[in-house]
Amino acid sequence: MRSPVNKPAISLCLYYVYVFVLCLLCLYYVYVFVLCMCLYYVVFVLCLLCLYYVYVFVLCLMCLYYVYVFVLCLCLYYVVFVLCLLCLYYVVFVLFLLCLYYVYVFVLCLCLYYVVSVLYLCVCTMFIVFVLCLCVCTMFVFVLRRVCTMFIVFVLCFCVCTIFIVFVLCLCVCTMLVFLLCRVCTMFIVFVLCLLCLYYVYHLTTGLLDLDAGRLARSQNPEGPATGHLDPGFLGFPGS
């Protein structure tokens, strides 16, 4: 005769196997989650560093451009200043020659030439002063427009760069959050399916053991009721 099946021991072994597999699955998913978080953090830090270096590079280029423009303006102003000095020296030299000429004319024609020379000198001086004032005003207007244009361009570039960096950061964060949420949902669904599979395997095994034990009890107790269920004392040893 076959010995009765020790159902509690088998159920306890299956329960320990179920708990062990469940712990292994939990450790595996914790490891995968930590690894994904580290990878996402590294990618996020690299993206931030790339954006930061691009931003610094653009700022350096803008600074170099404005330094170049500033140096160019200084050179232009220096050239204009030198030209003005040359014009002034030329005017002084011409005035000196005119004075000598006027002295000579004064010696020749004291009254007439003196009046004509004075009028001529006044007209020339006023014209030169007018021309110099016009040049200075023109240069001032040009410099003012240039500076205003440079400032507006700098402000616009800075605003555009800041908005672009904020947009890229927001897009990266949203993408990472959506991907992480999908990953966590997938892991949770797989975990639940594994738990359900283990649960149904456990119940199927228990049912098969119950069926085998019932058949064994019916074979040992043919006079008992044929109900398909175990008697209260089917787990006892024969003759006990």
Protein backbone atom coordinates (compact mmCIF):
# COMPACT_ATOMS: atom_id res chain seq x y z
CA MET A 1 0.00 0.00 0.00
CA ARG A 2 1.15 3.55 -0.76
CA SER A 3 2.03 5.80 2.17
CA PRO A 4 -0.13 8.94 2.63
CA VAL A 5 1.18 12.23 1.21
CA ASN A 6 2.42 14.73 3.77
CA LYS A 7 0.37 17.67 2.49
CA PRO A 8 1.46 20.34 5.07
CA ALA A 9 5.14 19.73 4.36
CA ILE A 10 4.65 20.03 0.60
CA SER A 11 2.51 23.14 1.01
CA LEU A 12 5.12 24.68 3.29
CA CYS A 13 7.88 23.91 0.76
CA LEU A 14 5.84 25.45 -2.04
CA TYR A 15 5.17 28.49 0.12
CA TYR A 16 8.90 28.93 0.84
CA VAL A 17 9.66 28.55 -2.87
CA TYR A 18 6.99 31.15 -3.63
CA VAL A 19 8.42 33.56 -1.02
CA PHE A 20 11.97 33.00 -2.30
CA VAL A 21 10.97 33.65 -5.93
CA LEU A 22 9.01 36.71 -4.82
CA CYS A 23 12.06 38.10 -2.97
CA LEU A 24 14.27 37.45 -5.99
CA LEU A 25 11.82 39.30 -8.23
CA CYS A 26 11.67 42.22 -5.79
CA LEU A 27 15.47 42.43 -5.62
CA TYR A 28 15.72 42.25 -9.40
CA TYR A 29 13.22 45.06 -9.95
CA VAL A 30 14.85 47.19 -7.25
CA TYR A 31 18.21 46.66 -8.99
CA VAL A 32 16.71 47.55 -12.41
CA PHE A 33 15.01 50.64 -10.95
CA VAL A 34 18.23 51.88 -9.25
CA LEU A 35 20.21 51.23 -12.44
CA CYS A 36 17.67 53.16 -14.56
CA MET A 37 17.66 56.06 -12.09
CA CYS A 38 21.48 56.24 -12.16
CA LEU A 39 21.47 56.12 -15.96
CA TYR A 40 18.81 58.84 -16.18
CA TYR A 41 20.74 60.98 -13.70
CA VAL A 42 23.98 60.61 -15.67
CA VAL A 43 22.21 61.46 -18.96
CA PHE A 44 20.50 64.43 -17.33
CA VAL A 45 23.81 65.73 -15.89
CA LEU A 46 25.54 65.30 -19.27
CA CYS A 47 22.74 67.20 -21.02
CA LEU A 48 22.97 70.00 -18.47
CA LEU A 49 26.76 70.16 -18.88
CA CYS A 50 26.46 70.26 -22.67
CA LEU A 51 23.86 73.01 -22.50
CA TYR A 52 25.99 74.93 -20.01
CA TYR A 53 29.11 74.69 -22.16
CA VAL A 54 27.15 75.70 -25.26
CA TYR A 55 25.75 78.66 -23.33
CA VAL A 56 29.25 79.65 -22.11
CA PHE A 57 30.64 79.26 -25.63
CA VAL A 58 27.92 81.49 -27.09
CA LEU A 59 28.51 84.09 -24.37
CA CYS A 60 32.27 84.01 -25.06
CA LEU A 61 31.66 84.48 -28.77
CA MET A 62 29.34 87.40 -28.07
CA CYS A 63 31.89 88.95 -25.69
CA LEU A 64 34.63 88.54 -28.29
CA TYR A 65 32.38 90.06 -30.92
CA TYR A 66 31.59 93.07 -28.78
CA VAL A 67 35.25 93.46 -27.82
CA TYR A 68 36.10 93.40 -31.51
CA VAL A 69 33.40 95.99 -32.24
CA PHE A 70 34.59 98.13 -29.35
CA VAL A 71 38.22 97.99 -30.55
CA LEU A 72 37.08 98.75 -34.08
CA CYS A 73 35.11 101.75 -32.85
CA LEU A 74 38.11 102.94 -30.84
CA CYS A 75 40.32 102.63 -33.91
CA LEU A 76 37.75 104.50 -35.97
CA TYR A 77 37.49 107.20 -33.35
CA TYR A 78 41.27 107.42 -33.17
CA VAL A 79 41.48 107.78 -36.97
CA VAL A 80 38.80 110.45 -36.90
CA PHE A 81 40.59 112.22 -34.08
CA VAL A 82 43.89 112.15 -35.99
CA LEU A 83 42.16 113.44 -39.10
CA CYS A 84 40.60 116.24 -37.08
CA LEU A 85 44.01 117.09 -35.63
CA LEU A 86 45.52 117.12 -39.11
CA CYS A 87 42.71 119.32 -40.33
CA LEU A 88 43.24 121.61 -37.36
CA TYR A 89 46.99 121.78 -38.01
CA TYR A 90 46.28 122.42 -41.63
CA VAL A 91 43.85 125.15 -40.69
CA VAL A 92 46.38 126.66 -38.31
CA PHE A 93 49.04 126.49 -40.96
CA VAL A 94 46.69 128.07 -43.51
CA LEU A 95 45.72 130.69 -41.00
CA PHE A 96 49.36 131.37 -40.32
CA LEU A 97 50.01 131.75 -44.04
CA LEU A 98 46.95 133.93 -44.34
CA CYS A 99 48.15 136.05 -41.50
CA LEU A 100 51.46 136.51 -43.21
CA TYR A 101 49.66 137.27 -46.40
CA TYR A 102 47.40 139.69 -44.62
CA VAL A 103 50.37 141.39 -43.04
CA TYR A 104 51.89 141.77 -46.44
CA VAL A 105 48.63 143.07 -47.87
CA PHE A 106 48.26 145.36 -44.90
CA VAL A 107 51.63 146.83 -45.69
CA LEU A 108 50.60 147.34 -49.32
CA CYS A 109 47.05 148.44 -48.87
CA LEU A 110 46.39 149.41 -45.30
CA CYS A 111 42.69 150.09 -45.37
CA LEU A 112 41.16 148.10 -48.17
CA TYR A 113 43.16 144.94 -47.78
CA TYR A 114 42.78 144.99 -44.03
CA VAL A 115 38.94 145.00 -44.25
CA VAL A 116 38.87 142.34 -46.97
CA SER A 117 41.30 140.13 -45.08
CA VAL A 118 39.37 140.35 -41.84
CA LEU A 119 36.11 139.45 -43.60
CA TYR A 120 37.73 136.56 -45.39
CA LEU A 121 39.29 135.26 -42.18
CA CYS A 122 35.96 135.42 -40.36
CA VAL A 123 34.13 133.60 -43.15
CA CYS A 124 36.78 130.86 -43.33
CA THR A 125 36.84 130.44 -39.57
CA MET A 126 33.07 130.23 -39.38
CA PHE A 127 32.97 127.71 -42.19
CA ILE A 128 35.67 125.57 -40.58
CA VAL A 129 33.91 125.70 -37.24
CA PHE A 130 30.64 124.80 -38.90
CA VAL A 131 32.23 121.87 -40.73
CA LEU A 132 33.89 120.63 -37.52
CA CYS A 133 30.64 120.91 -35.56
CA LEU A 134 28.79 119.07 -38.32
CA CYS A 135 31.40 116.27 -38.28
CA VAL A 136 31.28 115.98 -34.51
CA CYS A 137 27.47 115.86 -34.51
CA THR A 138 27.44 113.26 -37.26
CA MET A 139 29.97 111.10 -35.43
CA PHE A 140 28.04 111.40 -32.16
CA VAL A 141 24.78 110.37 -33.84
CA PHE A 142 26.49 107.43 -35.55
CA VAL A 143 28.12 106.25 -32.32
CA LEU A 144 24.87 106.60 -30.40
CA ARG A 145 22.94 104.58 -32.99
CA ARG A 146 25.68 101.93 -33.04
CA VAL A 147 25.71 101.58 -29.28
CA CYS A 148 21.89 101.38 -29.10
CA THR A 149 21.83 98.75 -31.85
CA MET A 150 24.52 96.69 -30.10
CA PHE A 151 22.69 96.86 -26.79
CA ILE A 152 19.36 95.82 -28.35
CA VAL A 153 21.01 92.91 -30.19
CA PHE A 154 22.75 91.79 -27.00
CA VAL A 155 19.50 91.90 -25.00
CA LEU A 156 17.60 89.98 -27.70
CA CYS A 157 20.33 87.33 -27.98
CA PHE A 158 20.44 86.90 -24.21
CA CYS A 159 16.63 86.54 -23.99
CA VAL A 160 16.50 84.06 -26.88
CA CYS A 161 19.33 81.96 -25.39
CA THR A 162 17.69 81.93 -21.95
CA ILE A 163 14.26 80.93 -23.36
CA PHE A 164 15.83 78.22 -25.52
CA ILE A 165 17.77 76.74 -22.58
CA VAL A 166 14.65 76.76 -20.35
CA PHE A 167 12.60 75.10 -23.12
CA VAL A 168 15.23 72.39 -23.70
CA LEU A 169 15.48 71.70 -19.94
CA CYS A 170 11.68 71.43 -19.60
CA LEU A 171 11.51 69.11 -22.63
CA CYS A 172 14.27 66.88 -21.22
CA VAL A 173 12.60 66.68 -17.80
CA CYS A 174 9.15 65.87 -19.30
CA THR A 175 10.64 63.19 -21.56
CA MET A 176 12.50 61.59 -18.67
CA LEU A 177 9.40 61.64 -16.45
CA VAL A 178 7.20 60.05 -19.15
CA PHE A 179 9.79 57.37 -19.90
CA LEU A 180 10.29 56.64 -16.19
CA LEU A 181 6.51 56.43 -15.63
CA CYS A 182 6.13 53.99 -18.55
CA ARG A 183 9.01 51.91 -17.22
CA VAL A 184 7.58 51.76 -13.70
CA CYS A 185 4.10 50.86 -15.01
CA THR A 186 5.57 48.07 -17.15
CA MET A 187 7.58 46.71 -14.22
CA PHE A 188 4.50 46.82 -11.97
CA ILE A 189 2.34 44.97 -14.55
CA VAL A 190 5.02 42.28 -15.03
CA PHE A 191 5.35 41.94 -11.25
CA VAL A 192 1.57 41.54 -10.82
CA LEU A 193 1.41 38.95 -13.63
CA CYS A 194 4.25 36.98 -12.02
CA LEU A 195 2.44 37.06 -8.68
CA LEU A 196 -0.79 35.83 -10.31
CA CYS A 197 1.06 33.04 -12.12
CA LEU A 198 2.72 31.91 -8.88
CA TYR A 199 -0.62 32.12 -7.08
CA TYR A 200 -2.41 29.95 -9.70
CA VAL A 201 0.49 27.47 -9.82
CA TYR A 202 0.37 27.19 -6.03
CA HIS A 203 -3.41 26.57 -6.02
CA LEU A 204 -3.18 24.13 -8.92
CA THR A 205 -0.47 22.16 -7.11
CA THR A 206 -2.50 22.19 -3.89
CA GLY A 207 -5.61 20.99 -5.76
CA LEU A 208 -3.69 18.16 -7.38
CA LEU A 209 -2.29 17.13 -4.00
CA ASP A 210 -5.82 17.27 -2.50
CA LEU A 211 -7.13 15.10 -5.34
CA ASP A 212 -4.30 12.58 -4.92
CA ALA A 213 -4.82 12.49 -1.16
CA GLY A 214 -8.59 11.96 -1.64
CA ARG A 215 -8.00 9.07 -3.99
CA LEU A 216 -5.54 7.55 -1.55
CA ALA A 217 -8.07 7.89 1.31
CA ARG A 218 -10.83 6.27 -0.77
CA SER A 219 -8.50 3.39 -1.64
CA GLN A 220 -7.67 2.88 2.05
CA ASN A 221 -11.28 3.30 3.33
CA PRO A 222 -13.60 1.61 0.79
CA GLU A 223 -16.51 1.62 3.27
CA GLY A 224 -16.35 5.39 3.76
CA PRO A 225 -18.57 7.88 1.96
CA ALA A 226 -17.56 8.42 -1.69
CA THR A 227 -17.81 12.19 -1.60
CA GLY A 228 -14.41 13.07 -3.11
CA HIS A 229 -13.39 14.86 0.10
CA LEU A 230 -10.94 13.77 2.78
CA ASP A 231 -12.03 12.35 6.07
CA PRO A 232 -10.99 14.22 9.18
CA GLY A 233 -8.40 11.64 10.02
CA PHE A 234 -6.86 10.88 6.65
CA LEU A 235 -3.52 12.38 7.65
CA GLY A 236 -3.02 9.86 10.47
CA PHE A 237 -0.87 6.78 10.19
CA PRO A 238 -2.54 3.42 9.54
CA GLY A 239 -3.48 1.64 12.69
CA SER A 240 -3.18 4.74 14.86
